[in-house]
Amino acid sequence: MSRVGKYPVPVPAGVQVALQGRTVVAKGKLGELKLPLTDEVDVEIEGSQVAVKPRRDDRRSRTMWGTTRSLINGMCIGVSTGFTKSMEITGTGYRAAVQGKDLVLALGFSHEVRYPIPEGITIVCERPTAVKVSGADKQRVGQVAAEIRAYRGPEPYKGKGVRYTDEQILRKEGKKK
């Protein structure tokens, strides 16, 4: 029995969930998200709740049961309130700025790094060392944040680089004389 899948997904006010063939569509104030269903699960929409049921009692159906329920829940939250990843940039001369449809990063390289902002994602720089990535799709927000962090990840000696705000960096001691 899936401990995640057995609970129905509550649909927030202002969100419409519909089933179009084998695709779940969630519409809200932040846009529209679609989720193609696998053959292992069935989805039923009952009022303001979405229930996910496995088709068979094999291992694959049970794993997809909880996964599908979590994905539908993420869609409902995403189109109503959205998701946000906050990042900090640490280091002398390291900074970020949004110029048009690009995020421009100065990360200690001989050149500045230009990251094109994808559709459906909003990037805001409150100050030159703080970047906030937000959008309706949880996976895309996390992926964009990970790609920005990958340009210059935090290093363990001085802590320089791009890191998530809630991330703890394990600091190392420098070499001894």
C-alpha atoms as a PDB file:
ATOM      1  CA  MET A   1       0.000   0.000   0.000  1.00  0.00           C
ATOM      2  CA  SER A   2       1.454   3.344  -1.033  1.00  0.00           C
ATOM      3  CA  ARG A   3       1.597   5.725   1.894  1.00  0.00           C
ATOM      4  CA  VAL A   4       1.754   8.718  -0.448  1.00  0.00           C
ATOM      5  CA  GLY A   5      -0.636   7.537  -3.154  1.00  0.00           C
ATOM      6  CA  LYS A   6      -3.556   6.586  -0.923  1.00  0.00           C
ATOM      7  CA  TYR A   7      -4.295  10.222  -0.012  1.00  0.00           C
ATOM      8  CA  PRO A   8      -6.295  12.244  -2.556  1.00  0.00           C
ATOM      9  CA  VAL A   9      -4.782  15.457  -3.913  1.00  0.00           C
ATOM     10  CA  PRO A  10      -6.673  18.549  -2.654  1.00  0.00           C
ATOM     11  CA  VAL A  11      -7.302  21.019  -5.482  1.00  0.00           C
ATOM     12  CA  PRO A  12      -6.818  24.647  -4.267  1.00  0.00           C
ATOM     13  CA  ALA A  13      -9.374  27.359  -5.001  1.00  0.00           C
ATOM     14  CA  GLY A  14      -8.823  28.934  -8.416  1.00  0.00           C
ATOM     15  CA  VAL A  15      -7.304  25.770  -9.916  1.00  0.00           C
ATOM     16  CA  GLN A  16      -9.132  23.631 -12.474  1.00  0.00           C
ATOM     17  CA  VAL A  17      -8.001  20.038 -12.996  1.00  0.00           C
ATOM     18  CA  ALA A  18      -9.262  18.123 -16.029  1.00  0.00           C
ATOM     19  CA  LEU A  19      -8.577  14.744 -17.580  1.00  0.00           C
ATOM     20  CA  GLN A  20      -8.063  14.831 -21.374  1.00  0.00           C
ATOM     21  CA  GLY A  21      -7.611  11.237 -22.520  1.00  0.00           C
ATOM     22  CA  ARG A  22      -4.502   9.976 -20.680  1.00  0.00           C
ATOM     23  CA  THR A  23      -3.304  13.500 -19.762  1.00  0.00           C
ATOM     24  CA  VAL A  24      -4.016  15.452 -16.568  1.00  0.00           C
ATOM     25  CA  VAL A  25      -4.284  19.219 -17.183  1.00  0.00           C
ATOM     26  CA  ALA A  26      -4.106  21.775 -14.336  1.00  0.00           C
ATOM     27  CA  LYS A  27      -5.013  25.422 -15.042  1.00  0.00           C
ATOM     28  CA  GLY A  28      -4.511  28.283 -12.614  1.00  0.00           C
ATOM     29  CA  LYS A  29      -3.490  31.903 -12.352  1.00  0.00           C
ATOM     30  CA  LEU A  30       0.187  31.072 -13.089  1.00  0.00           C
ATOM     31  CA  GLY A  31      -0.505  29.080 -16.253  1.00  0.00           C
ATOM     32  CA  GLU A  32      -1.258  25.559 -17.397  1.00  0.00           C
ATOM     33  CA  LEU A  33       0.651  22.334 -16.748  1.00  0.00           C
ATOM     34  CA  LYS A  34       0.120  18.925 -18.357  1.00  0.00           C
ATOM     35  CA  LEU A  35       1.091  15.459 -17.104  1.00  0.00           C
ATOM     36  CA  PRO A  36       0.862  12.419 -19.413  1.00  0.00           C
ATOM     37  CA  LEU A  37      -0.222   9.367 -17.413  1.00  0.00           C
ATOM     38  CA  THR A  38       1.495   5.992 -17.516  1.00  0.00           C
ATOM     39  CA  ASP A  39      -0.419   2.767 -18.170  1.00  0.00           C
ATOM     40  CA  GLU A  40       0.066   1.671 -14.542  1.00  0.00           C
ATOM     41  CA  VAL A  41      -2.322   4.186 -12.891  1.00  0.00           C
ATOM     42  CA  ASP A  42      -5.849   5.576 -13.218  1.00  0.00           C
ATOM     43  CA  VAL A  43      -6.906   9.076 -12.143  1.00  0.00           C
ATOM     44  CA  GLU A  44     -10.377  10.062 -10.948  1.00  0.00           C
ATOM     45  CA  ILE A  45     -11.481  13.650 -10.364  1.00  0.00           C
ATOM     46  CA  GLU A  46     -14.092  13.922  -7.590  1.00  0.00           C
ATOM     47  CA  GLY A  47     -15.154  17.495  -6.841  1.00  0.00           C
ATOM     48  CA  SER A  48     -12.173  19.356  -5.380  1.00  0.00           C
ATOM     49  CA  GLN A  49     -10.007  16.237  -5.031  1.00  0.00           C
ATOM     50  CA  VAL A  50      -8.001  14.079  -7.413  1.00  0.00           C
ATOM     51  CA  ALA A  51      -7.610  10.394  -6.555  1.00  0.00           C
ATOM     52  CA  VAL A  52      -4.920   8.148  -8.057  1.00  0.00           C
ATOM     53  CA  LYS A  53      -5.400   4.364  -8.150  1.00  0.00           C
ATOM     54  CA  PRO A  54      -3.052   1.614  -9.385  1.00  0.00           C
ATOM     55  CA  ARG A  55      -4.380  -0.566 -12.233  1.00  0.00           C
ATOM     56  CA  ARG A  56      -2.608  -3.756 -11.128  1.00  0.00           C
ATOM     57  CA  ASP A  57      -0.962  -5.002  -7.937  1.00  0.00           C
ATOM     58  CA  ASP A  58       2.589  -5.325  -9.254  1.00  0.00           C
ATOM     59  CA  ARG A  59       5.700  -3.446  -8.159  1.00  0.00           C
ATOM     60  CA  ARG A  60       5.775  -0.960 -11.067  1.00  0.00           C
ATOM     61  CA  SER A  61       2.121   0.063 -10.549  1.00  0.00           C
ATOM     62  CA  ARG A  62       2.678   0.677  -6.851  1.00  0.00           C
ATOM     63  CA  THR A  63       5.764   2.834  -7.508  1.00  0.00           C
ATOM     64  CA  MET A  64       3.980   4.898 -10.163  1.00  0.00           C
ATOM     65  CA  TRP A  65       0.964   5.311  -7.842  1.00  0.00           C
ATOM     66  CA  GLY A  66       2.805   7.496  -5.316  1.00  0.00           C
ATOM     67  CA  THR A  67       4.908   9.191  -7.998  1.00  0.00           C
ATOM     68  CA  THR A  68       1.865  10.221 -10.044  1.00  0.00           C
ATOM     69  CA  ARG A  69       0.083  11.524  -6.941  1.00  0.00           C
ATOM     70  CA  SER A  70       3.135  13.658  -6.037  1.00  0.00           C
ATOM     71  CA  LEU A  71       3.434  15.014  -9.586  1.00  0.00           C
ATOM     72  CA  ILE A  72      -0.269  15.993  -9.667  1.00  0.00           C
ATOM     73  CA  ASN A  73       0.076  17.640  -6.243  1.00  0.00           C
ATOM     74  CA  GLY A  74       3.096  19.611  -7.512  1.00  0.00           C
ATOM     75  CA  MET A  75       1.112  20.733 -10.553  1.00  0.00           C
ATOM     76  CA  CYS A  76      -1.790  21.987  -8.401  1.00  0.00           C
ATOM     77  CA  ILE A  77       0.528  23.921  -6.074  1.00  0.00           C
ATOM     78  CA  GLY A  78       2.573  25.227  -9.018  1.00  0.00           C
ATOM     79  CA  VAL A  79      -0.307  26.773 -10.978  1.00  0.00           C
ATOM     80  CA  SER A  80      -1.801  28.359  -7.827  1.00  0.00           C
ATOM     81  CA  THR A  81       1.206  29.665  -5.811  1.00  0.00           C
ATOM     82  CA  GLY A  82       4.297  28.629  -7.806  1.00  0.00           C
ATOM     83  CA  PHE A  83       7.732  27.464  -6.704  1.00  0.00           C
ATOM     84  CA  THR A  84      10.818  29.504  -5.818  1.00  0.00           C
ATOM     85  CA  LYS A  85      14.512  28.692  -5.386  1.00  0.00           C
ATOM     86  CA  SER A  86      16.681  31.348  -3.727  1.00  0.00           C
ATOM     87  CA  MET A  87      20.426  31.436  -4.368  1.00  0.00           C
ATOM     88  CA  GLU A  88      23.344  33.423  -2.979  1.00  0.00           C
ATOM     89  CA  ILE A  89      26.588  34.326  -4.706  1.00  0.00           C
ATOM     90  CA  THR A  90      29.680  34.564  -2.486  1.00  0.00           C
ATOM     91  CA  GLY A  91      33.082  35.826  -3.589  1.00  0.00           C
ATOM     92  CA  THR A  92      34.951  39.024  -4.363  1.00  0.00           C
ATOM     93  CA  GLY A  93      33.610  40.523  -7.584  1.00  0.00           C
ATOM     94  CA  TYR A  94      30.991  37.784  -8.009  1.00  0.00           C
ATOM     95  CA  ARG A  95      27.603  39.216  -8.992  1.00  0.00           C
ATOM     96  CA  ALA A  96      24.494  38.644 -11.075  1.00  0.00           C
ATOM     97  CA  ALA A  97      22.141  40.873 -13.064  1.00  0.00           C
ATOM     98  CA  VAL A  98      19.183  40.351 -15.381  1.00  0.00           C
ATOM     99  CA  GLN A  99      19.645  42.015 -18.796  1.00  0.00           C
ATOM    100  CA  GLY A 100      16.647  41.528 -21.070  1.00  0.00           C
ATOM    101  CA  LYS A 101      16.061  37.789 -21.463  1.00  0.00           C
ATOM    102  CA  ASP A 102      19.490  36.806 -20.071  1.00  0.00           C
ATOM    103  CA  LEU A 103      20.955  36.341 -16.616  1.00  0.00           C
ATOM    104  CA  VAL A 104      24.482  37.775 -16.662  1.00  0.00           C
ATOM    105  CA  LEU A 105      26.847  36.262 -14.078  1.00  0.00           C
ATOM    106  CA  ALA A 106      30.315  37.528 -13.138  1.00  0.00           C
ATOM    107  CA  LEU A 107      31.889  34.479 -11.438  1.00  0.00           C
ATOM    108  CA  GLY A 108      35.619  35.087 -11.551  1.00  0.00           C
ATOM    109  CA  PHE A 109      36.147  33.896 -15.113  1.00  0.00           C
ATOM    110  CA  SER A 110      37.871  36.022 -17.745  1.00  0.00           C
ATOM    111  CA  HIS A 111      34.422  36.525 -19.316  1.00  0.00           C
ATOM    112  CA  GLU A 112      30.904  37.006 -18.027  1.00  0.00           C
ATOM    113  CA  VAL A 113      28.529  34.042 -18.210  1.00  0.00           C
ATOM    114  CA  ARG A 114      25.218  34.637 -20.034  1.00  0.00           C
ATOM    115  CA  TYR A 115      22.364  32.271 -19.144  1.00  0.00           C
ATOM    116  CA  PRO A 116      19.243  32.586 -21.360  1.00  0.00           C
ATOM    117  CA  ILE A 117      16.106  32.592 -19.193  1.00  0.00           C
ATOM    118  CA  PRO A 118      13.729  29.827 -20.415  1.00  0.00           C
ATOM    119  CA  GLU A 119       9.991  30.290 -21.090  1.00  0.00           C
ATOM    120  CA  GLY A 120       7.807  30.014 -17.996  1.00  0.00           C
ATOM    121  CA  ILE A 121      10.668  30.854 -15.599  1.00  0.00           C
ATOM    122  CA  THR A 122      11.175  34.213 -13.883  1.00  0.00           C
ATOM    123  CA  ILE A 123      14.578  35.221 -12.512  1.00  0.00           C
ATOM    124  CA  VAL A 124      14.876  38.223 -10.192  1.00  0.00           C
ATOM    125  CA  CYS A 125      18.038  39.720  -8.662  1.00  0.00           C
ATOM    126  CA  GLU A 126      17.032  41.692  -5.536  1.00  0.00           C
ATOM    127  CA  ARG A 127      20.676  42.601  -4.981  1.00  0.00           C
ATOM    128  CA  PRO A 128      23.805  41.735  -6.993  1.00  0.00           C
ATOM    129  CA  THR A 129      24.568  38.681  -4.834  1.00  0.00           C
ATOM    130  CA  ALA A 130      21.021  37.246  -4.553  1.00  0.00           C
ATOM    131  CA  VAL A 131      19.194  35.392  -7.342  1.00  0.00           C
ATOM    132  CA  LYS A 132      15.601  34.148  -7.084  1.00  0.00           C
ATOM    133  CA  VAL A 133      14.325  31.597  -9.640  1.00  0.00           C
ATOM    134  CA  SER A 134      10.541  31.117  -9.733  1.00  0.00           C
ATOM    135  CA  GLY A 135       7.902  29.492 -11.906  1.00  0.00           C
ATOM    136  CA  ALA A 136       4.935  27.106 -11.983  1.00  0.00           C
ATOM    137  CA  ASP A 137       6.780  23.878 -12.891  1.00  0.00           C
ATOM    138  CA  LYS A 138       8.700  22.518  -9.891  1.00  0.00           C
ATOM    139  CA  GLN A 139      11.048  20.408 -12.011  1.00  0.00           C
ATOM    140  CA  ARG A 140      11.995  23.271 -14.354  1.00  0.00           C
ATOM    141  CA  VAL A 141      12.590  25.716 -11.478  1.00  0.00           C
ATOM    142  CA  GLY A 142      14.938  23.213  -9.821  1.00  0.00           C
ATOM    143  CA  GLN A 143      16.676  22.424 -13.111  1.00  0.00           C
ATOM    144  CA  VAL A 144      17.312  26.102 -13.940  1.00  0.00           C
ATOM    145  CA  ALA A 145      18.634  26.722 -10.418  1.00  0.00           C
ATOM    146  CA  ALA A 146      20.925  23.686 -10.713  1.00  0.00           C
ATOM    147  CA  GLU A 147      22.251  24.864 -14.093  1.00  0.00           C
ATOM    148  CA  ILE A 148      23.041  28.323 -12.661  1.00  0.00           C
ATOM    149  CA  ARG A 149      24.752  26.735  -9.630  1.00  0.00           C
ATOM    150  CA  ALA A 150      26.793  24.447 -11.904  1.00  0.00           C
ATOM    151  CA  TYR A 151      28.659  27.391 -13.454  1.00  0.00           C
ATOM    152  CA  ARG A 152      30.575  27.879 -10.185  1.00  0.00           C
ATOM    153  CA  GLY A 153      29.504  25.592  -7.347  1.00  0.00           C
ATOM    154  CA  PRO A 154      30.503  26.459  -3.779  1.00  0.00           C
ATOM    155  CA  GLU A 155      34.036  25.410  -2.906  1.00  0.00           C
ATOM    156  CA  PRO A 156      34.830  24.060   0.589  1.00  0.00           C
ATOM    157  CA  TYR A 157      37.798  26.263   1.568  1.00  0.00           C
ATOM    158  CA  LYS A 158      36.536  29.844   1.267  1.00  0.00           C
ATOM    159  CA  GLY A 159      32.896  29.095   0.385  1.00  0.00           C
ATOM    160  CA  LYS A 160      33.113  31.058  -2.871  1.00  0.00           C
ATOM    161  CA  GLY A 161      30.601  30.316  -5.619  1.00  0.00           C
ATOM    162  CA  VAL A 162      26.857  30.020  -6.188  1.00  0.00           C
ATOM    163  CA  ARG A 163      24.855  28.193  -3.521  1.00  0.00           C
ATOM    164  CA  TYR A 164      21.234  27.727  -2.505  1.00  0.00           C
ATOM    165  CA  THR A 165      20.170  29.971   0.402  1.00  0.00           C
ATOM    166  CA  ASP A 166      19.245  26.997   2.604  1.00  0.00           C
ATOM    167  CA  GLU A 167      22.353  24.964   1.658  1.00  0.00           C
ATOM    168  CA  GLN A 168      25.021  24.187   4.268  1.00  0.00           C
ATOM    169  CA  ILE A 169      28.593  24.157   2.946  1.00  0.00           C
ATOM    170  CA  LEU A 170      31.004  21.827   4.736  1.00  0.00           C
ATOM    171  CA  ARG A 171      34.072  23.985   5.233  1.00  0.00           C
ATOM    172  CA  LYS A 172      37.557  22.464   5.215  1.00  0.00           C
ATOM    173  CA  GLU A 173      40.644  23.631   7.024  1.00  0.00           C
ATOM    174  CA  GLY A 174      43.423  25.004   4.859  1.00  0.00           C
ATOM    175  CA  LYS A 175      46.871  23.443   4.642  1.00  0.00           C
ATOM    176  CA  LYS A 176      49.096  23.763   7.667  1.00  0.00           C
ATOM    177  CA  LYS A 177      52.700  24.970   7.764  1.00  0.00           C
END
